[in-house]
Amino acid sequence: MKKEIHPAYFPTKVTCACGNVIETKSTVKALQVEICSSCHPFFTGKQKLVDTAG
């Protein structure tokens, strides 16, 4: 691989609005998200079915 053409890769903390913190790696040092697997209705089992057919 060529040197100095690839972006820097940092350990990253992803912070959700619910307070959950996930550690991963990315080209940015910190990320803030509105929803994660800890608070998303699909993953928590609090999913509601909405029927729009008449």
Protein backbone atom coordinates (compact mmCIF):
# COMPACT_ATOMS: atom_id res chain seq x y z
CA MET A 1 0.00 0.00 0.00
CA LYS A 2 1.13 3.53 -0.68
CA LYS A 3 2.05 5.55 2.37
CA GLU A 4 0.21 8.68 3.49
CA ILE A 5 -2.76 8.34 1.11
CA HIS A 6 -5.01 6.43 3.52
CA PRO A 7 -7.07 8.20 6.19
CA ALA A 8 -6.06 7.91 9.84
CA TYR A 9 -8.00 5.24 11.75
CA PHE A 10 -8.80 6.03 15.41
CA PRO A 11 -10.49 4.26 18.32
CA THR A 12 -13.93 5.92 18.39
CA LYS A 13 -16.66 6.36 20.99
CA VAL A 14 -20.18 6.35 19.54
CA THR A 15 -22.59 8.06 21.96
CA CYS A 16 -26.34 7.56 21.60
CA ALA A 17 -29.02 10.00 22.78
CA CYS A 18 -30.18 7.31 25.25
CA GLY A 19 -26.75 7.40 26.93
CA ASN A 20 -25.38 4.14 25.52
CA VAL A 21 -21.69 4.31 24.53
CA ILE A 22 -20.21 1.92 21.95
CA GLU A 23 -16.49 1.71 21.24
CA THR A 24 -15.35 0.96 17.70
CA LYS A 25 -12.85 2.31 15.15
CA SER A 26 -13.39 5.02 12.56
CA THR A 27 -11.75 7.94 10.78
CA VAL A 28 -13.33 10.34 13.31
CA LYS A 29 -12.63 10.33 17.04
CA ALA A 30 -16.22 10.76 18.32
CA LEU A 31 -19.71 10.20 16.92
CA GLN A 32 -23.13 11.12 18.27
CA VAL A 33 -26.22 9.24 17.09
CA GLU A 34 -29.92 9.63 17.85
CA ILE A 35 -30.79 5.93 18.06
CA CYS A 36 -28.88 2.68 18.62
CA SER A 37 -29.60 -1.03 19.06
CA SER A 38 -30.21 -0.47 22.79
CA CYS A 39 -33.12 1.92 22.27
CA HIS A 40 -34.44 1.13 18.76
CA PRO A 41 -37.95 -0.42 18.92
CA PHE A 42 -37.02 -3.24 16.52
CA PHE A 43 -34.21 -4.49 18.78
CA THR A 44 -35.95 -3.83 22.13
CA GLY A 45 -39.17 -5.67 21.25
CA LYS A 46 -41.33 -2.56 21.74
CA GLN A 47 -42.21 -2.44 18.06
CA LYS A 48 -45.76 -1.39 17.13
CA LEU A 49 -47.48 -2.44 13.92
CA VAL A 50 -49.32 0.36 12.15
CA ASP A 51 -51.93 -0.70 9.60
CA THR A 52 -52.76 2.06 7.12
CA ALA A 53 -55.12 0.04 4.93
CA GLY A 54 -58.60 1.49 5.47
